[in-house]
C-alpha cells in the first residue's frame, strides 16, 4: 500500500500545453492594454508639468499662453489652455485641470481613465 501512495506523489509537475496557452494569452492581453495606458500616463505627467509652468504667470491670459507653449513643446493633445481653470489662492496662481482618455479594448468595451491635477 505504501508503494501505491509513493507512485501517486512522484507524478510529473508543471504546465500543460492548454495551461501554458491560457497564461500566455492573459499576459499578451495585459501587455497590449499596458502598452496603450503608458502613453496616457506620460501625457498626464507632461500636463502636470505644463500646469506648474503656467502657474508662474500673473494674468489668466499669460497663464493660458504659457500653458499653450508648454503643450506645444510636449505634444499634449488631450487638453488645451481653454480647458484649464485658473484661480488665485493666497496671492498665488493655481492652475487646475481635469480630463479623460478612452482606450478601445474590443467591440463595445472601452477603458476610461480620468485624470485631474493642479499646480502646487
C-alpha atoms as a PDB file:
ATOM      1  CA  UNK A   1       0.000   0.000   0.000  1.00  0.00           C
ATOM      2  CA  UNK A   2       2.886   2.366   0.680  1.00  0.00           C
ATOM      3  CA  UNK A   3       4.190   1.812  -2.856  1.00  0.00           C
ATOM      4  CA  UNK A   4       0.867   2.952  -4.375  1.00  0.00           C
ATOM      5  CA  UNK A   5       0.899   6.212  -2.410  1.00  0.00           C
ATOM      6  CA  UNK A   6       4.510   6.809  -3.342  1.00  0.00           C
ATOM      7  CA  UNK A   7       3.774   6.281  -7.055  1.00  0.00           C
ATOM      8  CA  UNK A   8       0.946   8.831  -6.986  1.00  0.00           C
ATOM      9  CA  UNK A   9       3.161  11.503  -5.427  1.00  0.00           C
ATOM     10  CA  UNK A  10       6.004  11.053  -7.870  1.00  0.00           C
ATOM     11  CA  UNK A  11       3.875  12.141 -10.872  1.00  0.00           C
ATOM     12  CA  UNK A  12       5.020  14.938 -13.180  1.00  0.00           C
ATOM     13  CA  UNK A  13       4.597  18.585 -12.236  1.00  0.00           C
ATOM     14  CA  UNK A  14       4.355  21.667 -14.448  1.00  0.00           C
ATOM     15  CA  UNK A  15       2.128  23.362 -17.003  1.00  0.00           C
ATOM     16  CA  UNK A  16       0.057  21.542 -19.549  1.00  0.00           C
ATOM     17  CA  UNK A  17       0.014  22.962 -23.072  1.00  0.00           C
ATOM     18  CA  UNK A  18      -3.503  24.302 -22.544  1.00  0.00           C
ATOM     19  CA  UNK A  19      -2.492  25.995 -19.259  1.00  0.00           C
ATOM     20  CA  UNK A  20       0.588  27.464 -20.912  1.00  0.00           C
ATOM     21  CA  UNK A  21      -1.502  28.902 -23.784  1.00  0.00           C
ATOM     22  CA  UNK A  22      -4.040  30.368 -21.343  1.00  0.00           C
ATOM     23  CA  UNK A  23      -1.373  32.082 -19.226  1.00  0.00           C
ATOM     24  CA  UNK A  24       0.377  33.313 -22.391  1.00  0.00           C
ATOM     25  CA  UNK A  25      -2.894  34.745 -23.725  1.00  0.00           C
ATOM     26  CA  UNK A  26      -3.641  36.562 -20.455  1.00  0.00           C
ATOM     27  CA  UNK A  27      -0.113  38.010 -20.396  1.00  0.00           C
ATOM     28  CA  UNK A  28      -0.392  39.119 -24.048  1.00  0.00           C
ATOM     29  CA  UNK A  29      -3.735  40.902 -23.492  1.00  0.00           C
ATOM     30  CA  UNK A  30      -2.395  42.549 -20.325  1.00  0.00           C
ATOM     31  CA  UNK A  31       0.710  43.669 -22.216  1.00  0.00           C
ATOM     32  CA  UNK A  32      -1.351  45.243 -25.005  1.00  0.00           C
ATOM     33  CA  UNK A  33      -3.517  47.169 -22.533  1.00  0.00           C
ATOM     34  CA  UNK A  34      -0.495  48.358 -20.520  1.00  0.00           C
ATOM     35  CA  UNK A  35       1.235  49.444 -23.741  1.00  0.00           C
ATOM     36  CA  UNK A  36      -1.789  51.652 -24.518  1.00  0.00           C
ATOM     37  CA  UNK A  37      -2.073  53.060 -20.973  1.00  0.00           C
ATOM     38  CA  UNK A  38       1.588  54.095 -20.570  1.00  0.00           C
ATOM     39  CA  UNK A  39       1.439  56.940 -23.158  1.00  0.00           C
ATOM     40  CA  UNK A  40      -1.584  58.448 -21.373  1.00  0.00           C
ATOM     41  CA  UNK A  41       0.281  58.416 -18.056  1.00  0.00           C
ATOM     42  CA  UNK A  42       3.298  60.062 -19.700  1.00  0.00           C
ATOM     43  CA  UNK A  43       0.995  62.704 -21.208  1.00  0.00           C
ATOM     44  CA  UNK A  44      -0.578  63.298 -17.765  1.00  0.00           C
ATOM     45  CA  UNK A  45       2.896  63.960 -16.339  1.00  0.00           C
ATOM     46  CA  UNK A  46       3.520  66.447 -19.176  1.00  0.00           C
ATOM     47  CA  UNK A  47       0.189  68.205 -18.476  1.00  0.00           C
ATOM     48  CA  UNK A  48       1.086  68.411 -14.783  1.00  0.00           C
ATOM     49  CA  UNK A  49       4.467  69.928 -15.683  1.00  0.00           C
ATOM     50  CA  UNK A  50       2.826  72.409 -18.083  1.00  0.00           C
ATOM     51  CA  UNK A  51       0.328  73.428 -15.396  1.00  0.00           C
ATOM     52  CA  UNK A  52       3.169  74.004 -12.973  1.00  0.00           C
ATOM     53  CA  UNK A  53       4.993  76.188 -15.505  1.00  0.00           C
ATOM     54  CA  UNK A  54       1.794  78.077 -16.331  1.00  0.00           C
ATOM     55  CA  UNK A  55       1.234  78.949 -12.673  1.00  0.00           C
ATOM     56  CA  UNK A  56       4.215  81.323 -12.950  1.00  0.00           C
ATOM     57  CA  UNK A  57       2.047  83.706 -14.992  1.00  0.00           C
ATOM     58  CA  UNK A  58       0.311  86.642 -13.331  1.00  0.00           C
ATOM     59  CA  UNK A  59      -2.803  87.030 -15.503  1.00  0.00           C
ATOM     60  CA  UNK A  60      -5.225  84.486 -16.928  1.00  0.00           C
ATOM     61  CA  UNK A  61      -4.169  85.318 -20.494  1.00  0.00           C
ATOM     62  CA  UNK A  62      -0.495  84.918 -19.614  1.00  0.00           C
ATOM     63  CA  UNK A  63      -1.142  81.623 -17.798  1.00  0.00           C
ATOM     64  CA  UNK A  64      -3.019  80.203 -20.785  1.00  0.00           C
ATOM     65  CA  UNK A  65      -0.288  81.386 -23.155  1.00  0.00           C
ATOM     66  CA  UNK A  66       2.437  79.716 -21.082  1.00  0.00           C
ATOM     67  CA  UNK A  67       0.365  76.522 -20.933  1.00  0.00           C
ATOM     68  CA  UNK A  68      -0.147  76.563 -24.725  1.00  0.00           C
ATOM     69  CA  UNK A  69       3.595  76.918 -25.347  1.00  0.00           C
ATOM     70  CA  UNK A  70       4.413  74.076 -22.942  1.00  0.00           C
ATOM     71  CA  UNK A  71       1.674  71.918 -24.511  1.00  0.00           C
ATOM     72  CA  UNK A  72       3.119  72.507 -27.984  1.00  0.00           C
ATOM     73  CA  UNK A  73       6.608  71.539 -26.826  1.00  0.00           C
ATOM     74  CA  UNK A  74       5.448  68.359 -25.036  1.00  0.00           C
ATOM     75  CA  UNK A  75       2.925  67.430 -27.760  1.00  0.00           C
ATOM     76  CA  UNK A  76      -0.078  67.471 -25.409  1.00  0.00           C
ATOM     77  CA  UNK A  77      -3.303  66.773 -27.306  1.00  0.00           C
ATOM     78  CA  UNK A  78      -5.788  65.765 -24.600  1.00  0.00           C
ATOM     79  CA  UNK A  79      -6.245  69.202 -23.088  1.00  0.00           C
ATOM     80  CA  UNK A  80      -5.866  72.797 -24.254  1.00  0.00           C
ATOM     81  CA  UNK A  81      -5.394  76.099 -22.478  1.00  0.00           C
ATOM     82  CA  UNK A  82      -9.160  76.724 -22.735  1.00  0.00           C
ATOM     83  CA  UNK A  83      -9.753  73.592 -20.606  1.00  0.00           C
ATOM     84  CA  UNK A  84      -7.644  74.659 -17.624  1.00  0.00           C
ATOM     85  CA  UNK A  85      -9.048  76.540 -14.655  1.00  0.00           C
ATOM     86  CA  UNK A  86      -7.027  79.467 -13.312  1.00  0.00           C
ATOM     87  CA  UNK A  87      -7.629  80.665  -9.747  1.00  0.00           C
ATOM     88  CA  UNK A  88      -5.748  82.561  -7.078  1.00  0.00           C
ATOM     89  CA  UNK A  89      -5.166  81.200  -3.582  1.00  0.00           C
ATOM     90  CA  UNK A  90      -3.220  83.280  -1.052  1.00  0.00           C
ATOM     91  CA  UNK A  91      -1.858  85.573  -3.775  1.00  0.00           C
ATOM     92  CA  UNK A  92      -0.547  82.547  -5.730  1.00  0.00           C
ATOM     93  CA  UNK A  93      -1.868  81.483  -9.133  1.00  0.00           C
ATOM     94  CA  UNK A  94      -3.218  77.923  -9.138  1.00  0.00           C
ATOM     95  CA  UNK A  95      -3.836  76.029 -12.377  1.00  0.00           C
ATOM     96  CA  UNK A  96      -6.202  73.046 -12.197  1.00  0.00           C
ATOM     97  CA  UNK A  97      -7.315  70.649 -14.883  1.00  0.00           C
ATOM     98  CA  UNK A  98      -9.380  67.516 -15.413  1.00  0.00           C
ATOM     99  CA  UNK A  99      -9.837  65.373 -18.492  1.00  0.00           C
ATOM    100  CA  UNK A 100     -10.436  61.793 -19.518  1.00  0.00           C
ATOM    101  CA  UNK A 101      -8.957  59.418 -22.073  1.00  0.00           C
ATOM    102  CA  UNK A 102     -10.634  56.378 -23.586  1.00  0.00           C
ATOM    103  CA  UNK A 103      -8.860  53.325 -24.928  1.00  0.00           C
ATOM    104  CA  UNK A 104     -10.820  50.968 -27.168  1.00  0.00           C
ATOM    105  CA  UNK A 105     -10.400  47.389 -25.972  1.00  0.00           C
ATOM    106  CA  UNK A 106     -12.708  45.260 -28.145  1.00  0.00           C
ATOM    107  CA  UNK A 107     -16.201  45.610 -29.568  1.00  0.00           C
ATOM    108  CA  UNK A 108     -18.183  47.959 -27.335  1.00  0.00           C
ATOM    109  CA  UNK A 109     -15.639  47.767 -24.477  1.00  0.00           C
ATOM    110  CA  UNK A 110     -13.561  50.835 -23.579  1.00  0.00           C
ATOM    111  CA  UNK A 111     -11.145  51.586 -20.776  1.00  0.00           C
ATOM    112  CA  UNK A 112     -11.812  55.124 -19.486  1.00  0.00           C
ATOM    113  CA  UNK A 113      -9.166  56.879 -17.448  1.00  0.00           C
ATOM    114  CA  UNK A 114      -9.915  60.145 -15.687  1.00  0.00           C
ATOM    115  CA  UNK A 115      -7.022  62.463 -14.915  1.00  0.00           C
ATOM    116  CA  UNK A 116      -7.111  65.539 -12.699  1.00  0.00           C
ATOM    117  CA  UNK A 117      -4.462  67.713 -11.125  1.00  0.00           C
ATOM    118  CA  UNK A 118      -3.377  71.152 -10.084  1.00  0.00           C
ATOM    119  CA  UNK A 119      -0.231  73.185  -9.745  1.00  0.00           C
ATOM    120  CA  UNK A 120       1.447  73.441  -6.375  1.00  0.00           C
END
